[in-house]
């Protein structure tokens, strides 16, 4: 071998506390992702997603780089990956799911 240790070997050597800490860190990382990271975590290519949304790969690449987009386009992007988009407002005294956007999902281009 070239100095690499399989992850299973490393994990087996961890204490339960170390495993719990690693699991917590992994969970926290999964809670905050860019669209690119989310698509990659779902093991999808831009081409796969483009085919699902009936747009080209370049439209997907453009959408992933956008800092501002229509809620309907974001919803279509998430649904094409098999997910569901919820808009939640968080306040010091609790969170509220915003229902205004529940019916949005019109037919716009992914790059809108």
PDB file of N, CA and C in Angstrom:
ATOM      1  N   UNK A   1       0.842  -1.184   0.000  1.00  0.00           N
ATOM      2  CA  UNK A   1       0.000   0.000   0.000  1.00  0.00           C
ATOM      3  C   UNK A   1       0.885   1.244   0.000  1.00  0.00           C
ATOM      4  N   UNK A   2       0.324   2.388  -0.339  1.00  0.00           N
ATOM      5  CA  UNK A   2       1.103   3.609  -0.484  1.00  0.00           C
ATOM      6  C   UNK A   2       0.927   4.560   0.694  1.00  0.00           C
ATOM      7  N   UNK A   3       0.860   4.024   1.898  1.00  0.00           N
ATOM      8  CA  UNK A   3       0.727   4.881   3.074  1.00  0.00           C
ATOM      9  C   UNK A   3      -0.700   5.296   3.368  1.00  0.00           C
ATOM     10  N   UNK A   4      -1.645   4.750   2.655  1.00  0.00           N
ATOM     11  CA  UNK A   4      -3.058   5.082   2.895  1.00  0.00           C
ATOM     12  C   UNK A   4      -3.686   4.018   3.778  1.00  0.00           C
ATOM     13  N   UNK A   5      -4.559   4.467   4.668  1.00  0.00           N
ATOM     14  CA  UNK A   5      -5.265   3.549   5.554  1.00  0.00           C
ATOM     15  C   UNK A   5      -6.745   3.591   5.208  1.00  0.00           C
ATOM     16  N   UNK A   6      -7.376   2.443   5.000  1.00  0.00           N
ATOM     17  CA  UNK A   6      -8.810   2.439   4.694  1.00  0.00           C
ATOM     18  C   UNK A   6      -9.617   3.105   5.814  1.00  0.00           C
ATOM     19  N   UNK A   7     -10.679   3.812   5.416  1.00  0.00           N
ATOM     20  CA  UNK A   7     -11.503   4.527   6.389  1.00  0.00           C
ATOM     21  C   UNK A   7     -12.060   3.585   7.440  1.00  0.00           C
ATOM     22  N   UNK A   8     -12.472   2.389   7.037  1.00  0.00           N
ATOM     23  CA  UNK A   8     -13.039   1.438   7.995  1.00  0.00           C
ATOM     24  C   UNK A   8     -12.031   1.094   9.088  1.00  0.00           C
ATOM     25  N   UNK A   9     -10.755   1.015   8.729  1.00  0.00           N
ATOM     26  CA  UNK A   9      -9.710   0.733   9.717  1.00  0.00           C
ATOM     27  C   UNK A   9      -9.572   1.903  10.687  1.00  0.00           C
ATOM     28  N   UNK A  10      -9.570   3.116  10.150  1.00  0.00           N
ATOM     29  CA  UNK A  10      -9.479   4.305  11.003  1.00  0.00           C
ATOM     30  C   UNK A  10     -10.691   4.395  11.925  1.00  0.00           C
ATOM     31  N   UNK A  11     -11.871   4.158  11.364  1.00  0.00           N
ATOM     32  CA  UNK A  11     -13.106   4.241  12.154  1.00  0.00           C
ATOM     33  C   UNK A  11     -13.108   3.201  13.274  1.00  0.00           C
ATOM     34  N   UNK A  12     -12.635   2.002  12.978  1.00  0.00           N
ATOM     35  CA  UNK A  12     -12.605   0.940  13.993  1.00  0.00           C
ATOM     36  C   UNK A  12     -11.691   1.303  15.155  1.00  0.00           C
ATOM     37  N   UNK A  13     -10.678   2.123  14.899  1.00  0.00           N
ATOM     38  CA  UNK A  13      -9.738   2.517  15.946  1.00  0.00           C
ATOM     39  C   UNK A  13     -10.239   3.698  16.782  1.00  0.00           C
ATOM     40  N   UNK A  14     -11.337   4.314  16.362  1.00  0.00           N
ATOM     41  CA  UNK A  14     -11.875   5.476  17.081  1.00  0.00           C
ATOM     42  C   UNK A  14     -12.628   5.043  18.326  1.00  0.00           C
ATOM     43  N   UNK A  15     -12.564   5.889  19.334  1.00  0.00           N
ATOM     44  CA  UNK A  15     -13.363   5.645  20.536  1.00  0.00           C
ATOM     45  C   UNK A  15     -14.819   6.008  20.216  1.00  0.00           C
ATOM     46  N   UNK A  16     -15.761   5.530  21.015  1.00  0.00           N
ATOM     47  CA  UNK A  16     -17.161   5.921  20.789  1.00  0.00           C
ATOM     48  C   UNK A  16     -17.351   7.437  20.812  1.00  0.00           C
ATOM     49  N   UNK A  17     -16.598   8.129  21.669  1.00  0.00           N
ATOM     50  CA  UNK A  17     -16.704   9.591  21.750  1.00  0.00           C
ATOM     51  C   UNK A  17     -16.210  10.229  20.459  1.00  0.00           C
ATOM     52  N   UNK A  18     -15.102   9.710  19.916  1.00  0.00           N
ATOM     53  CA  UNK A  18     -14.571  10.242  18.665  1.00  0.00           C
ATOM     54  C   UNK A  18     -15.539   9.986  17.511  1.00  0.00           C
ATOM     55  N   UNK A  19     -16.155   8.804  17.494  1.00  0.00           N
ATOM     56  CA  UNK A  19     -17.134   8.491  16.452  1.00  0.00           C
ATOM     57  C   UNK A  19     -18.329   9.435  16.537  1.00  0.00           C
ATOM     58  N   UNK A  20     -18.803   9.674  17.751  1.00  0.00           N
ATOM     59  CA  UNK A  20     -19.954  10.568  17.945  1.00  0.00           C
ATOM     60  C   UNK A  20     -19.617  11.982  17.484  1.00  0.00           C
ATOM     61  N   UNK A  21     -18.413  12.441  17.789  1.00  0.00           N
ATOM     62  CA  UNK A  21     -17.976  13.781  17.382  1.00  0.00           C
ATOM     63  C   UNK A  21     -17.887  13.864  15.856  1.00  0.00           C
ATOM     64  N   UNK A  22     -17.352  12.835  15.226  1.00  0.00           N
ATOM     65  CA  UNK A  22     -17.244  12.808  13.766  1.00  0.00           C
ATOM     66  C   UNK A  22     -18.626  12.787  13.118  1.00  0.00           C
ATOM     67  N   UNK A  23     -19.549  12.005  13.695  1.00  0.00           N
ATOM     68  CA  UNK A  23     -20.917  11.937  13.167  1.00  0.00           C
ATOM     69  C   UNK A  23     -21.606  13.305  13.285  1.00  0.00           C
ATOM     70  N   UNK A  24     -21.410  13.978  14.414  1.00  0.00           N
ATOM     71  CA  UNK A  24     -22.023  15.294  14.618  1.00  0.00           C
ATOM     72  C   UNK A  24     -21.472  16.306  13.616  1.00  0.00           C
ATOM     73  N   UNK A  25     -20.174  16.251  13.371  1.00  0.00           N
ATOM     74  CA  UNK A  25     -19.562  17.175  12.412  1.00  0.00           C
ATOM     75  C   UNK A  25     -20.070  16.890  11.006  1.00  0.00           C
ATOM     76  N   UNK A  26     -20.183  15.621  10.635  1.00  0.00           N
ATOM     77  CA  UNK A  26     -20.697  15.246   9.316  1.00  0.00           C
ATOM     78  C   UNK A  26     -22.147  15.716   9.154  1.00  0.00           C
ATOM     79  N   UNK A  27     -22.945  15.570  10.194  1.00  0.00           N
ATOM     80  CA  UNK A  27     -24.346  16.015  10.149  1.00  0.00           C
ATOM     81  C   UNK A  27     -24.421  17.524   9.968  1.00  0.00           C
ATOM     82  N   UNK A  28     -23.572  18.261  10.662  1.00  0.00           N
ATOM     83  CA  UNK A  28     -23.556  19.721  10.532  1.00  0.00           C
ATOM     84  C   UNK A  28     -23.154  20.133   9.122  1.00  0.00           C
ATOM     85  N   UNK A  29     -22.203  19.443   8.541  1.00  0.00           N
ATOM     86  CA  UNK A  29     -21.780  19.759   7.176  1.00  0.00           C
ATOM     87  C   UNK A  29     -22.897  19.482   6.181  1.00  0.00           C
ATOM     88  N   UNK A  30     -23.702  18.446   6.429  1.00  0.00           N
ATOM     89  CA  UNK A  30     -24.812  18.123   5.532  1.00  0.00           C
ATOM     90  C   UNK A  30     -25.931  19.147   5.622  1.00  0.00           C
ATOM     91  N   UNK A  31     -25.981  19.913   6.693  1.00  0.00           N
ATOM     92  CA  UNK A  31     -27.052  20.894   6.869  1.00  0.00           C
ATOM     93  C   UNK A  31     -26.808  22.171   6.078  1.00  0.00           C
ATOM     94  N   UNK A  32     -25.597  22.394   5.596  1.00  0.00           N
ATOM     95  CA  UNK A  32     -25.254  23.638   4.918  1.00  0.00           C
ATOM     96  C   UNK A  32     -24.453  23.310   3.669  1.00  0.00           C
ATOM     97  N   UNK A  33     -25.106  23.336   2.502  1.00  0.00           N
ATOM     98  CA  UNK A  33     -24.454  23.001   1.242  1.00  0.00           C
ATOM     99  C   UNK A  33     -24.851  23.993   0.156  1.00  0.00           C
ATOM    100  N   UNK A  34     -23.944  24.180  -0.793  1.00  0.00           N
ATOM    101  CA  UNK A  34     -24.292  24.924  -2.000  1.00  0.00           C
ATOM    102  C   UNK A  34     -25.087  23.987  -2.901  1.00  0.00           C
ATOM    103  N   UNK A  35     -25.696  24.526  -3.943  1.00  0.00           N
ATOM    104  CA  UNK A  35     -26.424  23.681  -4.883  1.00  0.00           C
ATOM    105  C   UNK A  35     -25.497  22.673  -5.557  1.00  0.00           C
ATOM    106  N   UNK A  36     -24.264  23.091  -5.864  1.00  0.00           N
ATOM    107  CA  UNK A  36     -23.286  22.176  -6.472  1.00  0.00           C
ATOM    108  C   UNK A  36     -23.002  21.014  -5.521  1.00  0.00           C
ATOM    109  N   UNK A  37     -22.722  21.332  -4.258  1.00  0.00           N
ATOM    110  CA  UNK A  37     -22.427  20.288  -3.268  1.00  0.00           C
ATOM    111  C   UNK A  37     -23.627  19.361  -3.075  1.00  0.00           C
ATOM    112  N   UNK A  38     -24.822  19.936  -3.069  1.00  0.00           N
ATOM    113  CA  UNK A  38     -26.032  19.132  -2.902  1.00  0.00           C
ATOM    114  C   UNK A  38     -26.210  18.184  -4.084  1.00  0.00           C
ATOM    115  N   UNK A  39     -26.028  18.707  -5.304  1.00  0.00           N
ATOM    116  CA  UNK A  39     -26.159  17.856  -6.495  1.00  0.00           C
ATOM    117  C   UNK A  39     -25.129  16.732  -6.461  1.00  0.00           C
ATOM    118  N   UNK A  40     -23.895  17.059  -6.098  1.00  0.00           N
ATOM    119  CA  UNK A  40     -22.842  16.048  -6.030  1.00  0.00           C
ATOM    120  C   UNK A  40     -23.125  15.025  -4.938  1.00  0.00           C
ATOM    121  N   UNK A  41     -23.640  15.476  -3.798  1.00  0.00           N
ATOM    122  CA  UNK A  41     -23.978  14.559  -2.705  1.00  0.00           C
ATOM    123  C   UNK A  41     -25.091  13.601  -3.129  1.00  0.00           C
ATOM    124  N   UNK A  42     -25.960  14.061  -4.018  1.00  0.00           N
ATOM    125  CA  UNK A  42     -27.041  13.218  -4.545  1.00  0.00           C
ATOM    126  C   UNK A  42     -26.542  12.352  -5.704  1.00  0.00           C
ATOM    127  N   UNK A  43     -25.266  12.462  -6.008  1.00  0.00           N
ATOM    128  CA  UNK A  43     -24.599  11.699  -7.070  1.00  0.00           C
ATOM    129  C   UNK A  43     -25.252  11.926  -8.431  1.00  0.00           C
ATOM    130  N   UNK A  44     -25.528  13.198  -8.724  1.00  0.00           N
ATOM    131  CA  UNK A  44     -26.092  13.594 -10.009  1.00  0.00           C
ATOM    132  C   UNK A  44     -25.099  14.457 -10.763  1.00  0.00           C
ATOM    133  N   UNK A  45     -25.088  14.332 -12.072  1.00  0.00           N
ATOM    134  CA  UNK A  45     -24.266  15.216 -12.893  1.00  0.00           C
ATOM    135  C   UNK A  45     -25.141  16.371 -13.370  1.00  0.00           C
ATOM    136  N   UNK A  46     -24.498  17.408 -13.863  1.00  0.00           N
ATOM    137  CA  UNK A  46     -25.259  18.514 -14.440  1.00  0.00           C
ATOM    138  C   UNK A  46     -26.060  18.020 -15.641  1.00  0.00           C
ATOM    139  N   UNK A  47     -25.512  17.078 -16.388  1.00  0.00           N
ATOM    140  CA  UNK A  47     -26.212  16.520 -17.545  1.00  0.00           C
ATOM    141  C   UNK A  47     -27.477  15.772 -17.111  1.00  0.00           C
ATOM    142  N   UNK A  48     -27.366  14.949 -16.044  1.00  0.00           N
ATOM    143  CA  UNK A  48     -28.533  14.217 -15.524  1.00  0.00           C
ATOM    144  C   UNK A  48     -29.639  15.188 -15.119  1.00  0.00           C
ATOM    145  N   UNK A  49     -29.255  16.197 -14.358  1.00  0.00           N
ATOM    146  CA  UNK A  49     -30.226  17.158 -13.861  1.00  0.00           C
ATOM    147  C   UNK A  49     -30.832  17.955 -15.007  1.00  0.00           C
ATOM    148  N   UNK A  50     -29.995  18.332 -15.980  1.00  0.00           N
ATOM    149  CA  UNK A  50     -30.488  19.053 -17.151  1.00  0.00           C
ATOM    150  C   UNK A  50     -31.520  18.246 -17.919  1.00  0.00           C
ATOM    151  N   UNK A  51     -31.268  16.945 -18.080  1.00  0.00           N
ATOM    152  CA  UNK A  51     -32.218  16.080 -18.785  1.00  0.00           C
ATOM    153  C   UNK A  51     -33.552  16.025 -18.045  1.00  0.00           C
ATOM    154  N   UNK A  52     -33.503  15.940 -16.728  1.00  0.00           N
ATOM    155  CA  UNK A  52     -34.727  15.906 -15.916  1.00  0.00           C
ATOM    156  C   UNK A  52     -35.514  17.208 -16.060  1.00  0.00           C
ATOM    157  N   UNK A  53     -34.788  18.332 -16.103  1.00  0.00           N
ATOM    158  CA  UNK A  53     -35.437  19.641 -16.188  1.00  0.00           C
ATOM    159  C   UNK A  53     -35.667  20.102 -17.631  1.00  0.00           C
ATOM    160  N   UNK A  54     -35.229  19.293 -18.598  1.00  0.00           N
ATOM    161  CA  UNK A  54     -35.371  19.619 -20.019  1.00  0.00           C
ATOM    162  C   UNK A  54     -34.629  20.900 -20.388  1.00  0.00           C
ATOM    163  N   UNK A  55     -33.431  21.032 -19.847  1.00  0.00           N
ATOM    164  CA  UNK A  55     -32.543  22.148 -20.180  1.00  0.00           C
ATOM    165  C   UNK A  55     -31.142  21.574 -20.393  1.00  0.00           C
ATOM    166  N   UNK A  56     -30.266  22.375 -20.950  1.00  0.00           N
ATOM    167  CA  UNK A  56     -28.902  21.925 -21.181  1.00  0.00           C
ATOM    168  C   UNK A  56     -28.045  21.976 -19.930  1.00  0.00           C
ATOM    169  N   UNK A  57     -26.901  21.320 -20.015  1.00  0.00           N
ATOM    170  CA  UNK A  57     -25.945  21.294 -18.904  1.00  0.00           C
ATOM    171  C   UNK A  57     -25.499  22.702 -18.547  1.00  0.00           C
ATOM    172  N   UNK A  58     -25.341  23.580 -19.549  1.00  0.00           N
ATOM    173  CA  UNK A  58     -24.886  24.946 -19.271  1.00  0.00           C
ATOM    174  C   UNK A  58     -25.904  25.719 -18.434  1.00  0.00           C
ATOM    175  N   UNK A  59     -27.197  25.447 -18.635  1.00  0.00           N
ATOM    176  CA  UNK A  59     -28.230  26.116 -17.829  1.00  0.00           C
ATOM    177  C   UNK A  59     -28.124  25.685 -16.369  1.00  0.00           C
ATOM    178  N   UNK A  60     -27.807  24.416 -16.136  1.00  0.00           N
ATOM    179  CA  UNK A  60     -27.637  23.922 -14.766  1.00  0.00           C
ATOM    180  C   UNK A  60     -26.408  24.575 -14.135  1.00  0.00           C
ATOM    181  N   UNK A  61     -25.305  24.626 -14.878  1.00  0.00           N
ATOM    182  CA  UNK A  61     -24.085  25.263 -14.363  1.00  0.00           C
ATOM    183  C   UNK A  61     -24.349  26.723 -14.002  1.00  0.00           C
ATOM    184  N   UNK A  62     -25.081  27.413 -14.853  1.00  0.00           N
ATOM    185  CA  UNK A  62     -25.414  28.819 -14.606  1.00  0.00           C
ATOM    186  C   UNK A  62     -26.275  28.961 -13.350  1.00  0.00           C
ATOM    187  N   UNK A  63     -27.256  28.083 -13.215  1.00  0.00           N
ATOM    188  CA  UNK A  63     -28.153  28.137 -12.061  1.00  0.00           C
ATOM    189  C   UNK A  63     -27.383  27.896 -10.762  1.00  0.00           C
ATOM    190  N   UNK A  64     -26.440  26.947 -10.796  1.00  0.00           N
ATOM    191  CA  UNK A  64     -25.669  26.629  -9.588  1.00  0.00           C
ATOM    192  C   UNK A  64     -24.797  27.794  -9.136  1.00  0.00           C
ATOM    193  N   UNK A  65     -24.447  28.671 -10.051  1.00  0.00           N
ATOM    194  CA  UNK A  65     -23.593  29.824  -9.703  1.00  0.00           C
ATOM    195  C   UNK A  65     -24.381  31.038  -9.246  1.00  0.00           C
ATOM    196  N   UNK A  66     -25.673  31.035  -9.476  1.00  0.00           N
ATOM    197  CA  UNK A  66     -26.488  32.209  -9.149  1.00  0.00           C
ATOM    198  C   UNK A  66     -26.592  32.424  -7.647  1.00  0.00           C
ATOM    199  N   UNK A  67     -26.537  33.669  -7.242  1.00  0.00           N
ATOM    200  CA  UNK A  67     -26.740  34.017  -5.836  1.00  0.00           C
ATOM    201  C   UNK A  67     -28.194  34.432  -5.604  1.00  0.00           C
ATOM    202  N   UNK A  68     -28.925  34.701  -6.691  1.00  0.00           N
ATOM    203  CA  UNK A  68     -30.302  35.170  -6.590  1.00  0.00           C
ATOM    204  C   UNK A  68     -31.105  34.517  -7.708  1.00  0.00           C
ATOM    205  N   UNK A  69     -32.240  33.901  -7.382  1.00  0.00           N
ATOM    206  CA  UNK A  69     -33.069  33.263  -8.407  1.00  0.00           C
ATOM    207  C   UNK A  69     -34.516  33.220  -7.946  1.00  0.00           C
ATOM    208  N   UNK A  70     -35.400  32.920  -8.879  1.00  0.00           N
ATOM    209  CA  UNK A  70     -36.810  32.772  -8.555  1.00  0.00           C
ATOM    210  C   UNK A  70     -37.010  31.549  -7.667  1.00  0.00           C
ATOM    211  N   UNK A  71     -37.941  31.656  -6.725  1.00  0.00           N
ATOM    212  CA  UNK A  71     -38.271  30.527  -5.856  1.00  0.00           C
ATOM    213  C   UNK A  71     -38.756  29.352  -6.705  1.00  0.00           C
ATOM    214  N   UNK A  72     -39.514  29.619  -7.752  1.00  0.00           N
ATOM    215  CA  UNK A  72     -40.034  28.548  -8.606  1.00  0.00           C
ATOM    216  C   UNK A  72     -38.904  27.759  -9.266  1.00  0.00           C
ATOM    217  N   UNK A  73     -37.852  28.446  -9.691  1.00  0.00           N
ATOM    218  CA  UNK A  73     -36.727  27.747 -10.303  1.00  0.00           C
ATOM    219  C   UNK A  73     -35.952  26.924  -9.281  1.00  0.00           C
ATOM    220  N   UNK A  74     -35.779  27.474  -8.093  1.00  0.00           N
ATOM    221  CA  UNK A  74     -35.096  26.731  -7.041  1.00  0.00           C
ATOM    222  C   UNK A  74     -35.909  25.496  -6.663  1.00  0.00           C
ATOM    223  N   UNK A  75     -37.229  25.658  -6.585  1.00  0.00           N
ATOM    224  CA  UNK A  75     -38.101  24.523  -6.262  1.00  0.00           C
ATOM    225  C   UNK A  75     -37.973  23.431  -7.322  1.00  0.00           C
ATOM    226  N   UNK A  76     -37.985  23.793  -8.606  1.00  0.00           N
ATOM    227  CA  UNK A  76     -37.844  22.815  -9.684  1.00  0.00           C
ATOM    228  C   UNK A  76     -36.495  22.101  -9.591  1.00  0.00           C
ATOM    229  N   UNK A  77     -35.440  22.842  -9.298  1.00  0.00           N
ATOM    230  CA  UNK A  77     -34.093  22.280  -9.172  1.00  0.00           C
ATOM    231  C   UNK A  77     -34.064  21.239  -8.060  1.00  0.00           C
ATOM    232  N   UNK A  78     -34.607  21.590  -6.906  1.00  0.00           N
ATOM    233  CA  UNK A  78     -34.622  20.681  -5.750  1.00  0.00           C
ATOM    234  C   UNK A  78     -35.499  19.469  -6.032  1.00  0.00           C
ATOM    235  N   UNK A  79     -36.667  19.681  -6.620  1.00  0.00           N
ATOM    236  CA  UNK A  79     -37.563  18.566  -6.932  1.00  0.00           C
ATOM    237  C   UNK A  79     -36.962  17.629  -7.970  1.00  0.00           C
ATOM    238  N   UNK A  80     -36.188  18.165  -8.907  1.00  0.00           N
ATOM    239  CA  UNK A  80     -35.534  17.330  -9.915  1.00  0.00           C
ATOM    240  C   UNK A  80     -34.496  16.408  -9.282  1.00  0.00           C
ATOM    241  N   UNK A  81     -33.994  16.791  -8.105  1.00  0.00           N
ATOM    242  CA  UNK A  81     -33.048  15.943  -7.374  1.00  0.00           C
ATOM    243  C   UNK A  81     -33.770  14.992  -6.431  1.00  0.00           C
ATOM    244  N   UNK A  82     -35.102  15.063  -6.408  1.00  0.00           N
ATOM    245  CA  UNK A  82     -35.878  14.169  -5.552  1.00  0.00           C
ATOM    246  C   UNK A  82     -36.235  14.768  -4.207  1.00  0.00           C
ATOM    247  N   UNK A  83     -36.003  16.063  -4.049  1.00  0.00           N
ATOM    248  CA  UNK A  83     -36.274  16.710  -2.767  1.00  0.00           C
ATOM    249  C   UNK A  83     -37.534  17.555  -2.779  1.00  0.00           C
ATOM    250  N   UNK A  84     -37.730  18.265  -1.695  1.00  0.00           N
ATOM    251  CA  UNK A  84     -38.873  19.155  -1.522  1.00  0.00           C
ATOM    252  C   UNK A  84     -38.352  20.428  -0.884  1.00  0.00           C
ATOM    253  N   UNK A  85     -38.728  21.572  -1.437  1.00  0.00           N
ATOM    254  CA  UNK A  85     -38.252  22.855  -0.928  1.00  0.00           C
ATOM    255  C   UNK A  85     -39.251  23.442   0.056  1.00  0.00           C
ATOM    256  N   UNK A  86     -38.778  23.792   1.237  1.00  0.00           N
ATOM    257  CA  UNK A  86     -39.577  24.502   2.231  1.00  0.00           C
ATOM    258  C   UNK A  86     -38.897  25.833   2.498  1.00  0.00           C
ATOM    259  N   UNK A  87     -39.689  26.888   2.588  1.00  0.00           N
ATOM    260  CA  UNK A  87     -39.179  28.207   2.951  1.00  0.00           C
ATOM    261  C   UNK A  87     -39.533  28.420   4.422  1.00  0.00           C
ATOM    262  N   UNK A  88     -38.496  28.601   5.252  1.00  0.00           N
ATOM    263  CA  UNK A  88     -38.701  28.723   6.690  1.00  0.00           C
ATOM    264  C   UNK A  88     -38.070  30.023   7.184  1.00  0.00           C
ATOM    265  N   UNK A  89     -38.832  30.783   7.946  1.00  0.00           N
ATOM    266  CA  UNK A  89     -38.320  31.993   8.595  1.00  0.00           C
ATOM    267  C   UNK A  89     -37.989  31.640  10.041  1.00  0.00           C
ATOM    268  N   UNK A  90     -36.779  31.949  10.460  1.00  0.00           N
ATOM    269  CA  UNK A  90     -36.349  31.640  11.830  1.00  0.00           C
ATOM    270  C   UNK A  90     -36.255  32.928  12.653  1.00  0.00           C
ATOM    271  N   UNK A  91     -36.875  32.886  13.806  1.00  0.00           N
ATOM    272  CA  UNK A  91     -36.884  34.011  14.727  1.00  0.00           C
ATOM    273  C   UNK A  91     -36.343  33.538  16.070  1.00  0.00           C
ATOM    274  N   UNK A  92     -35.946  34.462  16.954  1.00  0.00           N
ATOM    275  CA  UNK A  92     -35.434  34.039  18.258  1.00  0.00           C
ATOM    276  C   UNK A  92     -36.427  33.178  19.043  1.00  0.00           C
ATOM    277  N   UNK A  93     -37.729  33.408  18.829  1.00  0.00           N
ATOM    278  CA  UNK A  93     -38.719  32.648  19.591  1.00  0.00           C
ATOM    279  C   UNK A  93     -39.313  31.465  18.815  1.00  0.00           C
ATOM    280  N   UNK A  94     -38.755  31.128  17.658  1.00  0.00           N
ATOM    281  CA  UNK A  94     -39.233  29.964  16.915  1.00  0.00           C
ATOM    282  C   UNK A  94     -39.158  30.144  15.415  1.00  0.00           C
ATOM    283  N   UNK A  95     -39.494  29.086  14.700  1.00  0.00           N
ATOM    284  CA  UNK A  95     -39.454  29.085  13.241  1.00  0.00           C
ATOM    285  C   UNK A  95     -40.863  28.950  12.681  1.00  0.00           C
ATOM    286  N   UNK A  96     -41.067  29.537  11.493  1.00  0.00           N
ATOM    287  CA  UNK A  96     -42.366  29.495  10.828  1.00  0.00           C
ATOM    288  C   UNK A  96     -42.142  29.093   9.374  1.00  0.00           C
ATOM    289  N   UNK A  97     -42.866  28.064   8.922  1.00  0.00           N
ATOM    290  CA  UNK A  97     -42.807  27.663   7.518  1.00  0.00           C
ATOM    291  C   UNK A  97     -43.717  28.604   6.734  1.00  0.00           C
ATOM    292  N   UNK A  98     -43.179  29.236   5.708  1.00  0.00           N
ATOM    293  CA  UNK A  98     -43.945  30.174   4.890  1.00  0.00           C
ATOM    294  C   UNK A  98     -44.680  29.384   3.815  1.00  0.00           C
ATOM    295  N   UNK A  99     -46.017  29.519   3.784  1.00  0.00           N
ATOM    296  CA  UNK A  99     -46.819  28.703   2.878  1.00  0.00           C
ATOM    297  C   UNK A  99     -47.146  29.386   1.554  1.00  0.00           C
ATOM    298  N   UNK A 100     -46.818  30.677   1.396  1.00  0.00           N
ATOM    299  CA  UNK A 100     -47.131  31.391   0.155  1.00  0.00           C
ATOM    300  C   UNK A 100     -46.579  30.701  -1.086  1.00  0.00           C
ATOM    301  N   UNK A 101     -45.452  30.015  -0.951  1.00  0.00           N
ATOM    302  CA  UNK A 101     -44.731  29.457  -2.087  1.00  0.00           C
ATOM    303  C   UNK A 101     -45.067  28.001  -2.355  1.00  0.00           C
ATOM    304  N   UNK A 102     -45.996  27.437  -1.614  1.00  0.00           N
ATOM    305  CA  UNK A 102     -46.295  26.000  -1.728  1.00  0.00           C
ATOM    306  C   UNK A 102     -46.786  25.615  -3.111  1.00  0.00           C
ATOM    307  N   UNK A 103     -47.549  26.474  -3.782  1.00  0.00           N
ATOM    308  CA  UNK A 103     -48.098  26.124  -5.079  1.00  0.00           C
ATOM    309  C   UNK A 103     -47.233  26.549  -6.249  1.00  0.00           C
ATOM    310  N   UNK A 104     -46.096  27.167  -5.989  1.00  0.00           N
ATOM    311  CA  UNK A 104     -45.229  27.637  -7.067  1.00  0.00           C
ATOM    312  C   UNK A 104     -44.503  26.463  -7.679  1.00  0.00           C
ATOM    313  N   UNK A 105     -44.441  26.435  -8.959  1.00  0.00           N
ATOM    314  CA  UNK A 105     -43.710  25.380  -9.642  1.00  0.00           C
ATOM    315  C   UNK A 105     -43.962  25.469 -11.124  1.00  0.00           C
ATOM    316  N   UNK A 106     -44.190  26.692 -11.583  1.00  0.00           N
ATOM    317  CA  UNK A 106     -44.529  26.918 -12.984  1.00  0.00           C
ATOM    318  C   UNK A 106     -43.442  26.484 -13.937  1.00  0.00           C
ATOM    319  N   UNK A 107     -43.675  26.716 -15.212  1.00  0.00           N
ATOM    320  CA  UNK A 107     -42.750  26.260 -16.246  1.00  0.00           C
ATOM    321  C   UNK A 107     -41.878  27.420 -16.692  1.00  0.00           C
ATOM    322  N   UNK A 108     -40.795  27.700 -15.952  1.00  0.00           N
ATOM    323  CA  UNK A 108     -39.810  28.688 -16.365  1.00  0.00           C
ATOM    324  C   UNK A 108     -38.543  27.979 -16.731  1.00  0.00           C
ATOM    325  N   UNK A 109     -37.661  28.633 -17.427  1.00  0.00           N
ATOM    326  CA  UNK A 109     -36.374  28.024 -17.766  1.00  0.00           C
ATOM    327  C   UNK A 109     -35.533  27.933 -16.507  1.00  0.00           C
ATOM    328  N   UNK A 110     -34.714  26.909 -16.406  1.00  0.00           N
ATOM    329  CA  UNK A 110     -33.889  26.713 -15.220  1.00  0.00           C
ATOM    330  C   UNK A 110     -32.938  27.873 -15.009  1.00  0.00           C
ATOM    331  N   UNK A 111     -32.624  28.608 -16.028  1.00  0.00           N
ATOM    332  CA  UNK A 111     -31.690  29.708 -15.888  1.00  0.00           C
ATOM    333  C   UNK A 111     -32.341  31.020 -15.540  1.00  0.00           C
ATOM    334  N   UNK A 112     -33.675  31.048 -15.356  1.00  0.00           N
ATOM    335  CA  UNK A 112     -34.388  32.305 -15.022  1.00  0.00           C
ATOM    336  C   UNK A 112     -33.882  32.916 -13.756  1.00  0.00           C
TER     337      UNK A 112
END
